[in-house]
Amino acid sequence: RLVHFLGPGDEEWASAKARETQRHAFEHVDRDLLEGKLLSEALEKAGERRVLGSQRTPDWRARVAEMAARRNFLQVRCADAVYVVGWRLEHGKDQFTGRSDVAPDETPLLDVGGGTGWA
């Protein structure tokens, strides 16, 4: 079964084809769930393993929020199978953009970048 979880404001980014042929699969998730205890605890735990060394700045949570990581987490939380399009982190690059140099030991073991990697 196909499901597209959409947070507040996400539907505007859906393609015309998705709106035309897959609207039945759109599940809207409200801000209360996205910012609730379950997701907050899951992202904190993920952050312990993903946001390492110099990347653990005071604003790391805001940077994660820009990646739709909360919504992505919901998409895979109880899935039987997941097909994603994402990018792989190059060793020694930051996990937020994959572009900035960081110490080699700061690349997370789960080396999928962006919000997809947080899911």
C-alpha atoms as a PDB file:
ATOM      1  CA  ARG A   1       0.000   0.000   0.000  1.00  0.00           C
ATOM      2  CA  LEU A   2       1.296   3.416  -0.948  1.00  0.00           C
ATOM      3  CA  VAL A   3       1.146   6.199   1.647  1.00  0.00           C
ATOM      4  CA  HIS A   4       2.498   9.739   1.472  1.00  0.00           C
ATOM      5  CA  PHE A   5       2.668  11.362   4.902  1.00  0.00           C
ATOM      6  CA  LEU A   6       2.332  15.115   4.556  1.00  0.00           C
ATOM      7  CA  GLY A   7       3.052  17.613   7.274  1.00  0.00           C
ATOM      8  CA  PRO A   8       1.698  21.164   7.374  1.00  0.00           C
ATOM      9  CA  GLY A   9       2.526  22.835   4.054  1.00  0.00           C
ATOM     10  CA  ASP A  10       3.868  19.690   2.354  1.00  0.00           C
ATOM     11  CA  GLU A  11       1.059  19.167  -0.153  1.00  0.00           C
ATOM     12  CA  GLU A  12       2.050  22.287  -2.074  1.00  0.00           C
ATOM     13  CA  TRP A  13       5.318  20.495  -2.960  1.00  0.00           C
ATOM     14  CA  ALA A  14       3.586  17.391  -4.333  1.00  0.00           C
ATOM     15  CA  SER A  15       3.840  17.060  -8.089  1.00  0.00           C
ATOM     16  CA  ALA A  16       0.805  17.549 -10.287  1.00  0.00           C
ATOM     17  CA  LYS A  17       0.971  13.852 -11.236  1.00  0.00           C
ATOM     18  CA  ALA A  18       0.989  12.788  -7.559  1.00  0.00           C
ATOM     19  CA  ARG A  19      -1.986  15.048  -6.848  1.00  0.00           C
ATOM     20  CA  GLU A  20      -3.820  13.641  -9.839  1.00  0.00           C
ATOM     21  CA  THR A  21      -3.114   9.916  -9.394  1.00  0.00           C
ATOM     22  CA  GLN A  22      -2.128   9.406  -5.752  1.00  0.00           C
ATOM     23  CA  ARG A  23      -4.210  11.849  -3.724  1.00  0.00           C
ATOM     24  CA  HIS A  24      -5.973   8.836  -2.171  1.00  0.00           C
ATOM     25  CA  ALA A  25      -2.640   7.975  -0.532  1.00  0.00           C
ATOM     26  CA  PHE A  26      -2.078  11.405   1.059  1.00  0.00           C
ATOM     27  CA  GLU A  27      -2.197  11.225   4.853  1.00  0.00           C
ATOM     28  CA  HIS A  28      -2.036  14.612   6.538  1.00  0.00           C
ATOM     29  CA  VAL A  29      -0.155  14.690   9.831  1.00  0.00           C
ATOM     30  CA  ASP A  30      -0.797  17.571  12.185  1.00  0.00           C
ATOM     31  CA  ARG A  31       1.820  19.630  13.984  1.00  0.00           C
ATOM     32  CA  ASP A  32       0.835  18.211  17.402  1.00  0.00           C
ATOM     33  CA  LEU A  33       1.905  14.709  16.335  1.00  0.00           C
ATOM     34  CA  LEU A  34       5.032  15.921  14.536  1.00  0.00           C
ATOM     35  CA  GLU A  35       6.184  17.852  17.589  1.00  0.00           C
ATOM     36  CA  GLY A  36       4.933  15.361  20.174  1.00  0.00           C
ATOM     37  CA  LYS A  37       6.784  13.224  22.699  1.00  0.00           C
ATOM     38  CA  LEU A  38       7.255  10.092  20.526  1.00  0.00           C
ATOM     39  CA  LEU A  39       8.944  11.895  17.672  1.00  0.00           C
ATOM     40  CA  SER A  40      10.944  14.197  19.930  1.00  0.00           C
ATOM     41  CA  GLU A  41      12.380  11.248  21.855  1.00  0.00           C
ATOM     42  CA  ALA A  42      13.142   9.326  18.646  1.00  0.00           C
ATOM     43  CA  LEU A  43      15.030  12.264  17.141  1.00  0.00           C
ATOM     44  CA  GLU A  44      16.961  12.878  20.348  1.00  0.00           C
ATOM     45  CA  LYS A  45      18.072   9.244  20.322  1.00  0.00           C
ATOM     46  CA  ALA A  46      19.011   9.443  16.638  1.00  0.00           C
ATOM     47  CA  GLY A  47      20.854  12.689  17.319  1.00  0.00           C
ATOM     48  CA  GLU A  48      23.096  10.930  19.839  1.00  0.00           C
ATOM     49  CA  ARG A  49      24.454   8.764  17.015  1.00  0.00           C
ATOM     50  CA  ARG A  50      24.185  11.124  14.041  1.00  0.00           C
ATOM     51  CA  VAL A  51      25.220  14.560  15.315  1.00  0.00           C
ATOM     52  CA  LEU A  52      28.832  14.058  16.300  1.00  0.00           C
ATOM     53  CA  GLY A  53      31.713  16.272  17.411  1.00  0.00           C
ATOM     54  CA  SER A  54      31.814  19.719  15.829  1.00  0.00           C
ATOM     55  CA  GLN A  55      28.372  19.195  14.250  1.00  0.00           C
ATOM     56  CA  ARG A  56      26.725  19.140  17.695  1.00  0.00           C
ATOM     57  CA  THR A  57      26.172  22.888  17.740  1.00  0.00           C
ATOM     58  CA  PRO A  58      23.413  24.605  19.728  1.00  0.00           C
ATOM     59  CA  ASP A  59      21.296  24.846  16.566  1.00  0.00           C
ATOM     60  CA  TRP A  60      21.529  21.201  15.451  1.00  0.00           C
ATOM     61  CA  ARG A  61      17.871  20.521  16.235  1.00  0.00           C
ATOM     62  CA  ALA A  62      16.757  23.431  14.044  1.00  0.00           C
ATOM     63  CA  ARG A  63      18.937  22.122  11.219  1.00  0.00           C
ATOM     64  CA  VAL A  64      17.298  18.702  11.523  1.00  0.00           C
ATOM     65  CA  ALA A  65      13.866  20.357  11.471  1.00  0.00           C
ATOM     66  CA  GLU A  66      14.690  21.831   8.051  1.00  0.00           C
ATOM     67  CA  MET A  67      15.113  18.292   6.665  1.00  0.00           C
ATOM     68  CA  ALA A  68      11.542  17.073   7.355  1.00  0.00           C
ATOM     69  CA  ALA A  69      13.058  14.353   9.554  1.00  0.00           C
ATOM     70  CA  ARG A  70       9.976  14.106  11.788  1.00  0.00           C
ATOM     71  CA  ARG A  71       7.671  13.388   8.857  1.00  0.00           C
ATOM     72  CA  ASN A  72      10.212  11.007   7.332  1.00  0.00           C
ATOM     73  CA  PHE A  73      10.384   9.082  10.618  1.00  0.00           C
ATOM     74  CA  LEU A  74       6.628   8.517  10.476  1.00  0.00           C
ATOM     75  CA  GLN A  75       6.903   7.225   6.909  1.00  0.00           C
ATOM     76  CA  VAL A  76       9.158   4.341   7.929  1.00  0.00           C
ATOM     77  CA  ARG A  77       8.226   3.762  11.595  1.00  0.00           C
ATOM     78  CA  CYS A  78       6.015   0.716  10.984  1.00  0.00           C
ATOM     79  CA  ALA A  79       6.634   0.049   7.309  1.00  0.00           C
ATOM     80  CA  ASP A  80       7.139  -3.466   5.996  1.00  0.00           C
ATOM     81  CA  ALA A  81       9.282  -2.130   3.154  1.00  0.00           C
ATOM     82  CA  VAL A  82      10.661   1.259   2.224  1.00  0.00           C
ATOM     83  CA  TYR A  83      11.928   2.599  -1.068  1.00  0.00           C
ATOM     84  CA  VAL A  84      13.655   5.938  -0.719  1.00  0.00           C
ATOM     85  CA  VAL A  85      15.695   8.285  -2.801  1.00  0.00           C
ATOM     86  CA  GLY A  86      18.517   9.747  -0.799  1.00  0.00           C
ATOM     87  CA  TRP A  87      22.195  10.503  -0.954  1.00  0.00           C
ATOM     88  CA  ARG A  88      25.098   8.765   0.739  1.00  0.00           C
ATOM     89  CA  LEU A  89      27.367  10.704   3.052  1.00  0.00           C
ATOM     90  CA  GLU A  90      30.943  10.857   1.914  1.00  0.00           C
ATOM     91  CA  HIS A  91      33.367   9.948   4.701  1.00  0.00           C
ATOM     92  CA  GLY A  92      34.574  13.165   6.355  1.00  0.00           C
ATOM     93  CA  LYS A  93      31.577  15.292   5.280  1.00  0.00           C
ATOM     94  CA  ASP A  94      28.896  16.779   7.512  1.00  0.00           C
ATOM     95  CA  GLN A  95      25.616  14.926   7.914  1.00  0.00           C
ATOM     96  CA  PHE A  96      23.412  17.988   7.381  1.00  0.00           C
ATOM     97  CA  THR A  97      24.427  18.924   3.823  1.00  0.00           C
ATOM     98  CA  GLY A  98      27.104  16.403   2.881  1.00  0.00           C
ATOM     99  CA  ARG A  99      29.258  19.301   1.672  1.00  0.00           C
ATOM    100  CA  SER A 100      31.263  20.645   4.615  1.00  0.00           C
ATOM    101  CA  ASP A 101      34.440  18.940   5.788  1.00  0.00           C
ATOM    102  CA  VAL A 102      34.385  17.413   9.264  1.00  0.00           C
ATOM    103  CA  ALA A 103      36.677  15.063  11.138  1.00  0.00           C
ATOM    104  CA  PRO A 104      36.425  11.565   9.609  1.00  0.00           C
ATOM    105  CA  ASP A 105      35.073  10.134  12.871  1.00  0.00           C
ATOM    106  CA  GLU A 106      32.109  12.551  12.683  1.00  0.00           C
ATOM    107  CA  THR A 107      30.489  10.772   9.740  1.00  0.00           C
ATOM    108  CA  PRO A 108      27.683   8.638  11.231  1.00  0.00           C
ATOM    109  CA  LEU A 109      27.778   4.899  10.668  1.00  0.00           C
ATOM    110  CA  LEU A 110      24.353   5.141   9.050  1.00  0.00           C
ATOM    111  CA  ASP A 111      25.622   7.163   6.122  1.00  0.00           C
ATOM    112  CA  VAL A 112      22.390   8.141   4.398  1.00  0.00           C
ATOM    113  CA  GLY A 113      22.112  11.904   4.254  1.00  0.00           C
ATOM    114  CA  GLY A 114      19.355  14.402   4.808  1.00  0.00           C
ATOM    115  CA  GLY A 115      15.971  13.704   6.336  1.00  0.00           C
ATOM    116  CA  THR A 116      15.971  10.246   4.771  1.00  0.00           C
ATOM    117  CA  GLY A 117      18.914   9.252   6.957  1.00  0.00           C
ATOM    118  CA  TRP A 118      17.093  10.400  10.069  1.00  0.00           C
ATOM    119  CA  ALA A 119      14.129   8.204   9.269  1.00  0.00           C
END
